[in-house]
Amino acid sequence: MHKPHKRIERGLKSTLFGIFVNAALALVKGVTGYLGNSYALIADAIESASDVFSSTIVWGGLKVASIPRDHNHPYGHGKAEPLAAIVVSIALFAAAFSIAIHSVVEIITPHHSPAPYTLIVLGVVIVVKEILFRYIIKIGEEVHSTAVKTDAWHHRSDAITSAAAFIGISIALIGGEKYASADDYAALFASVIILYNAFKLFKPALDEIMDIAPSPEIEKSVRAIAGAVEGVIELDKCFVRKMGLEYYVDLHVVVNGDVSVREGHEIGHKVKDSICSSNSKIVDVLVHIEPHTFDNG
């Protein structure tokens, strides 16, 4: 049994912070869009509201992933983390289609141009969301969390939809009534961007669920550390898999075939200890000892 890793706690804190920011922005954008007659801003508010939902899913996924290993889950609960990322990606798909449908309806429905003050709100939103994206993506990269990085890209998508809305409203205000639908075209464009990001985030999360091999650098590092252990002649198979924010290694180590079982066992332990101490993200190493027969001829 091990305590939840500190990097999970960092991911939880950043996600919780994003939830509060998104809730506030969704309220401000929704009210401003409704009063200011801007569907692009309302679409932006929907995006922020979906971010609140998705960030809550990410937070829950990280919470489950932090639960220590037990009898029924010998490899821990780490799969909850990429699973949360998949749910968030699906939510993004749904939000994109919803915004696109409503944008088309607004385009074919005559309406007044947006109010000028909606641009002020959007300008503030763009700055806030971009700062939030950079803050959370940095944490996601540091803790190697697919869910946290997915959550960060939700904020970037929000910044993009806000930028599109800003451009669309500007065109509508400058061009007059005949360009009033520019605001809605901007929302439609934003839905395409959101759809692209949803796919971009869905694939790595699905790959992780399917136990795709992590970056080659991790295996190279494991092999280099294991190969330096005294008594190791060479290495055979090396498999690394990511479980949430942690890594598990299966390694075949070749030793002198004439050593005793006890000596081979001790070499295996040294290999495991060396690898785990070199990288805090690696929590367990399963070492299989294989005999090496020297050619006397």
Protein backbone atom coordinates (compact mmCIF):
# COMPACT_ATOMS: atom_id res chain seq x y z
CA MET A 1 0.00 0.00 0.00
CA HIS A 2 1.44 3.37 -0.91
CA LYS A 3 0.38 6.91 -0.32
CA PRO A 4 -1.07 8.98 -3.21
CA HIS A 5 1.78 10.57 -5.08
CA LYS A 6 2.37 14.28 -4.65
CA ARG A 7 2.04 14.83 -8.39
CA ILE A 8 -1.54 13.53 -8.23
CA GLU A 9 -2.23 16.10 -5.55
CA ARG A 10 -0.82 18.82 -7.83
CA GLY A 11 -3.09 17.65 -10.61
CA LEU A 12 -6.08 17.71 -8.25
CA LYS A 13 -5.34 21.27 -7.10
CA SER A 14 -4.87 22.62 -10.64
CA THR A 15 -8.10 20.94 -11.79
CA LEU A 16 -10.06 22.30 -8.85
CA PHE A 17 -8.76 25.79 -9.55
CA GLY A 18 -9.86 25.45 -13.19
CA ILE A 19 -13.36 24.40 -12.09
CA PHE A 20 -13.87 27.60 -10.08
CA VAL A 21 -12.51 29.81 -12.87
CA ASN A 22 -14.69 28.13 -15.51
CA ALA A 23 -17.82 28.39 -13.37
CA ALA A 24 -17.28 32.14 -12.96
CA LEU A 25 -16.52 32.66 -16.67
CA ALA A 26 -19.51 30.59 -17.79
CA LEU A 27 -21.82 32.76 -15.70
CA VAL A 28 -20.32 36.04 -16.93
CA LYS A 29 -20.28 35.00 -20.59
CA GLY A 30 -23.78 33.53 -20.49
CA VAL A 31 -25.35 36.64 -18.96
CA THR A 32 -23.36 38.99 -21.22
CA GLY A 33 -24.17 36.96 -24.33
CA TYR A 34 -27.89 36.89 -23.52
CA LEU A 35 -28.12 40.60 -22.71
CA GLY A 36 -25.73 41.58 -25.49
CA ASN A 37 -27.46 39.50 -28.18
CA SER A 38 -24.39 37.43 -29.04
CA TYR A 39 -24.81 33.74 -29.77
CA ALA A 40 -21.03 33.35 -30.18
CA LEU A 41 -20.65 34.49 -26.59
CA ILE A 42 -23.47 32.18 -25.46
CA ALA A 43 -21.72 29.33 -27.30
CA ASP A 44 -18.58 30.33 -25.46
CA ALA A 45 -20.50 30.14 -22.19
CA ILE A 46 -21.68 26.64 -23.11
CA GLU A 47 -18.05 25.68 -23.71
CA SER A 48 -17.06 27.01 -20.27
CA ALA A 49 -19.99 25.19 -18.66
CA SER A 50 -18.90 21.95 -20.32
CA ASP A 51 -15.42 22.65 -18.97
CA VAL A 52 -16.83 22.71 -15.44
CA PHE A 53 -18.38 19.29 -16.04
CA SER A 54 -15.29 17.84 -17.72
CA SER A 55 -12.90 19.25 -15.12
CA THR A 56 -15.05 17.65 -12.42
CA ILE A 57 -14.71 14.33 -14.26
CA VAL A 58 -10.92 14.81 -14.44
CA TRP A 59 -10.83 15.63 -10.72
CA GLY A 60 -12.82 12.49 -9.94
CA GLY A 61 -10.57 10.39 -12.19
CA LEU A 62 -7.45 11.65 -10.43
CA LYS A 63 -9.05 10.98 -7.05
CA VAL A 64 -9.76 7.36 -7.99
CA ALA A 65 -6.29 7.00 -9.55
CA SER A 66 -4.72 8.07 -6.25
CA ILE A 67 -6.28 5.15 -4.35
CA PRO A 68 -3.49 2.73 -3.31
CA ARG A 69 -3.20 -0.77 -4.72
CA ASP A 70 -5.33 -3.42 -3.03
CA HIS A 71 -6.13 -7.13 -3.33
CA ASN A 72 -8.62 -6.61 -6.16
CA HIS A 73 -6.47 -4.01 -7.97
CA PRO A 74 -2.84 -5.20 -7.74
CA TYR A 75 -1.78 -2.63 -10.33
CA GLY A 76 -3.61 0.20 -8.61
CA HIS A 77 -6.46 2.35 -9.93
CA GLY A 78 -4.42 4.35 -12.44
CA LYS A 79 -6.64 3.50 -15.43
CA ALA A 80 -9.26 5.87 -13.97
CA GLU A 81 -7.05 8.75 -15.13
CA PRO A 82 -7.06 8.08 -18.92
CA LEU A 83 -10.68 6.90 -18.62
CA ALA A 84 -11.56 10.35 -17.27
CA ALA A 85 -9.71 11.89 -20.24
CA ILE A 86 -11.84 9.83 -22.64
CA VAL A 87 -15.07 10.98 -20.96
CA VAL A 88 -13.87 14.59 -21.21
CA SER A 89 -13.05 14.16 -24.91
CA ILE A 90 -16.53 12.77 -25.58
CA ALA A 91 -17.99 15.77 -23.74
CA LEU A 92 -15.99 18.01 -26.07
CA PHE A 93 -17.40 16.19 -29.11
CA ALA A 94 -20.93 16.73 -27.78
CA ALA A 95 -20.30 20.42 -27.06
CA ALA A 96 -18.89 20.95 -30.57
CA PHE A 97 -21.91 19.40 -32.29
CA SER A 98 -24.31 21.34 -30.06
CA ILE A 99 -22.64 24.65 -30.84
CA ALA A 100 -22.52 23.86 -34.58
CA ILE A 101 -26.25 23.04 -34.73
CA HIS A 102 -27.29 26.16 -32.83
CA SER A 103 -24.93 28.30 -34.94
CA VAL A 104 -26.62 27.15 -38.15
CA VAL A 105 -30.04 27.89 -36.64
CA GLU A 106 -28.89 31.39 -35.70
CA ILE A 107 -27.39 32.01 -39.16
CA ILE A 108 -30.72 31.33 -40.90
CA THR A 109 -32.69 33.28 -38.28
CA PRO A 110 -32.61 37.11 -38.66
CA HIS A 111 -31.48 38.90 -35.50
CA HIS A 112 -29.81 42.10 -34.27
CA SER A 113 -26.07 42.71 -34.09
CA PRO A 114 -24.28 41.98 -30.79
CA ALA A 115 -23.70 44.75 -28.26
CA PRO A 116 -20.23 46.39 -28.31
CA TYR A 117 -19.53 45.66 -24.64
CA THR A 118 -19.44 41.94 -25.37
CA LEU A 119 -15.97 42.53 -26.85
CA ILE A 120 -14.64 43.69 -23.48
CA VAL A 121 -15.83 40.51 -21.79
CA LEU A 122 -14.31 38.37 -24.54
CA GLY A 123 -10.97 40.18 -24.32
CA VAL A 124 -10.74 39.43 -20.60
CA VAL A 125 -11.81 35.81 -21.15
CA ILE A 126 -9.16 35.21 -23.82
CA VAL A 127 -6.38 36.43 -21.52
CA VAL A 128 -7.64 34.49 -18.48
CA LYS A 129 -8.14 31.22 -20.38
CA GLU A 130 -4.76 31.38 -22.10
CA ILE A 131 -3.01 31.95 -18.76
CA LEU A 132 -5.01 29.07 -17.26
CA PHE A 133 -4.08 26.81 -20.18
CA ARG A 134 -0.37 27.49 -19.80
CA TYR A 135 -0.51 26.95 -16.05
CA ILE A 136 -2.36 23.63 -16.21
CA ILE A 137 -0.57 22.22 -19.29
CA LYS A 138 2.74 22.80 -17.50
CA ILE A 139 1.51 20.78 -14.51
CA GLY A 140 0.09 18.10 -16.82
CA GLU A 141 3.48 17.71 -18.54
CA GLU A 142 5.34 17.62 -15.23
CA VAL A 143 3.13 14.96 -13.66
CA HIS A 144 2.66 13.03 -16.94
CA SER A 145 -1.13 13.13 -16.64
CA THR A 146 -3.20 12.58 -19.78
CA ALA A 147 -6.33 13.78 -17.97
CA VAL A 148 -4.74 17.00 -16.70
CA LYS A 149 -3.34 17.78 -20.16
CA THR A 150 -6.78 17.11 -21.65
CA ASP A 151 -8.27 19.50 -19.10
CA ALA A 152 -5.68 22.12 -20.07
CA TRP A 153 -6.62 21.84 -23.73
CA HIS A 154 -10.22 22.48 -22.75
CA HIS A 155 -9.06 25.88 -21.56
CA ARG A 156 -7.16 26.48 -24.82
CA SER A 157 -10.30 25.52 -26.77
CA ASP A 158 -12.23 28.05 -24.72
CA ALA A 159 -9.65 30.72 -25.54
CA ILE A 160 -9.97 29.83 -29.24
CA THR A 161 -13.76 30.01 -29.23
CA SER A 162 -13.55 33.36 -27.43
CA ALA A 163 -11.07 34.67 -30.01
CA ALA A 164 -13.36 33.51 -32.83
CA ALA A 165 -16.31 35.18 -31.14
CA PHE A 166 -14.29 38.38 -30.72
CA ILE A 167 -13.50 38.47 -34.44
CA GLY A 168 -17.07 37.61 -35.44
CA ILE A 169 -18.62 40.27 -33.20
CA SER A 170 -16.10 42.86 -34.42
CA ILE A 171 -17.06 42.15 -38.03
CA ALA A 172 -20.76 42.33 -37.15
CA LEU A 173 -20.34 45.68 -35.38
CA ILE A 174 -18.17 47.22 -38.10
CA GLY A 175 -20.19 45.88 -41.04
CA GLY A 176 -23.62 46.67 -39.63
CA GLU A 177 -26.85 44.66 -39.87
CA LYS A 178 -25.93 42.87 -43.08
CA TYR A 179 -22.96 41.32 -41.24
CA ALA A 180 -24.91 40.45 -38.09
CA SER A 181 -24.51 36.71 -38.77
CA ALA A 182 -20.70 37.00 -38.65
CA ASP A 183 -21.04 36.38 -34.93
CA ASP A 184 -22.78 33.06 -35.64
CA TYR A 185 -20.28 32.03 -38.30
CA ALA A 186 -17.58 32.62 -35.70
CA ALA A 187 -19.37 30.23 -33.33
CA LEU A 188 -19.61 27.67 -36.16
CA PHE A 189 -15.88 28.02 -36.84
CA ALA A 190 -15.18 27.60 -33.12
CA SER A 191 -17.14 24.32 -33.08
CA VAL A 192 -14.81 22.93 -35.77
CA ILE A 193 -11.77 23.85 -33.65
CA ILE A 194 -13.34 22.20 -30.60
CA LEU A 195 -14.09 19.06 -32.65
CA TYR A 196 -10.47 18.87 -33.80
CA ASN A 197 -9.17 19.24 -30.25
CA ALA A 198 -11.62 16.58 -29.02
CA PHE A 199 -10.16 14.05 -31.46
CA LYS A 200 -6.62 15.16 -30.62
CA LEU A 201 -7.26 14.50 -26.92
CA PHE A 202 -9.28 11.30 -27.36
CA LYS A 203 -6.58 9.31 -29.17
CA PRO A 204 -3.76 9.41 -26.57
CA ALA A 205 -6.24 8.63 -23.79
CA LEU A 206 -7.52 5.62 -25.73
CA ASP A 207 -3.94 4.53 -26.47
CA GLU A 208 -3.18 4.60 -22.75
CA ILE A 209 -6.25 2.50 -21.96
CA MET A 210 -4.95 0.02 -24.54
CA ASP A 211 -1.53 -0.07 -22.79
CA ILE A 212 0.41 1.55 -25.61
CA ALA A 213 4.16 1.63 -24.99
CA PRO A 214 5.35 4.94 -23.48
CA SER A 215 8.14 7.04 -25.01
CA PRO A 216 11.27 5.04 -26.03
CA GLU A 217 13.37 7.23 -23.70
CA ILE A 218 11.88 5.51 -20.65
CA GLU A 219 12.83 2.04 -21.88
CA LYS A 220 16.32 3.25 -22.83
CA SER A 221 16.77 4.67 -19.35
CA VAL A 222 15.57 1.44 -17.72
CA ARG A 223 17.95 -0.65 -19.84
CA ALA A 224 20.90 1.64 -19.13
CA ILE A 225 20.34 1.53 -15.36
CA ALA A 226 19.73 -2.23 -15.24
CA GLY A 227 22.72 -2.95 -17.46
CA ALA A 228 25.02 -1.10 -15.05
CA VAL A 229 24.12 -3.35 -12.12
CA GLU A 230 26.91 -5.72 -11.11
CA GLY A 231 26.19 -9.29 -12.17
CA VAL A 232 24.01 -8.36 -15.15
CA ILE A 233 25.51 -9.75 -18.35
CA GLU A 234 22.86 -8.51 -20.75
CA LEU A 235 19.18 -7.65 -20.99
CA ASP A 236 16.50 -9.36 -23.04
CA LYS A 237 12.87 -8.25 -23.07
CA CYS A 238 11.81 -4.95 -21.53
CA PHE A 239 8.16 -3.90 -21.34
CA VAL A 240 6.98 -0.63 -19.81
CA ARG A 241 3.37 0.35 -19.29
CA LYS A 242 1.75 3.45 -17.87
CA MET A 243 -0.93 3.10 -15.20
CA GLY A 244 -2.32 6.55 -14.47
CA LEU A 245 0.64 8.65 -13.38
CA GLU A 246 2.86 5.65 -12.63
CA TYR A 247 4.90 3.16 -14.63
CA TYR A 248 5.31 -0.61 -14.27
CA VAL A 249 8.26 -2.48 -15.82
CA ASP A 250 8.66 -6.14 -16.84
CA LEU A 251 12.32 -6.93 -17.46
CA HIS A 252 14.26 -10.07 -18.47
CA VAL A 253 17.80 -10.00 -17.02
CA VAL A 254 20.52 -12.40 -18.15
CA VAL A 255 23.06 -13.48 -15.48
CA ASN A 256 25.78 -16.08 -15.23
CA GLY A 257 24.06 -19.45 -15.43
CA ASP A 258 26.44 -20.93 -12.86
CA VAL A 259 25.46 -18.63 -9.98
CA SER A 260 23.15 -19.90 -7.25
CA VAL A 261 19.44 -19.16 -7.18
CA ARG A 262 20.05 -16.90 -4.16
CA GLU A 263 22.70 -14.89 -6.03
CA GLY A 264 20.46 -14.54 -9.08
CA HIS A 265 17.64 -13.42 -6.80
CA GLU A 266 19.88 -10.78 -5.18
CA ILE A 267 20.94 -9.45 -8.58
CA GLY A 268 17.27 -9.15 -9.55
CA HIS A 269 16.56 -7.15 -6.39
CA LYS A 270 19.48 -4.81 -7.08
CA VAL A 271 18.14 -4.23 -10.60
CA LYS A 272 14.66 -3.44 -9.26
CA ASP A 273 15.95 -1.11 -6.54
CA SER A 274 18.23 0.75 -8.96
CA ILE A 275 15.45 1.35 -11.47
CA CYS A 276 12.85 2.44 -8.88
CA SER A 277 15.29 4.78 -7.11
CA SER A 278 16.29 6.41 -10.40
CA ASN A 279 12.74 7.36 -11.40
CA SER A 280 9.99 8.07 -8.86
CA LYS A 281 7.35 7.47 -11.54
CA ILE A 282 8.36 3.78 -11.75
CA VAL A 283 6.65 2.08 -8.79
CA ASP A 284 7.34 -1.58 -9.53
CA VAL A 285 9.69 -3.73 -11.60
CA LEU A 286 9.10 -7.42 -12.26
CA VAL A 287 12.50 -9.01 -12.96
CA HIS A 288 12.79 -12.38 -14.70
CA ILE A 289 16.22 -13.96 -14.36
CA GLU A 290 17.60 -15.91 -17.32
CA PRO A 291 20.83 -17.96 -17.35
CA HIS A 292 23.72 -17.18 -19.65
CA THR A 293 25.87 -20.06 -20.79
CA PHE A 294 29.47 -19.13 -21.64
CA ASP A 295 30.97 -20.70 -24.73
CA ASN A 296 34.18 -22.44 -23.67
CA GLY A 297 34.98 -23.40 -27.17
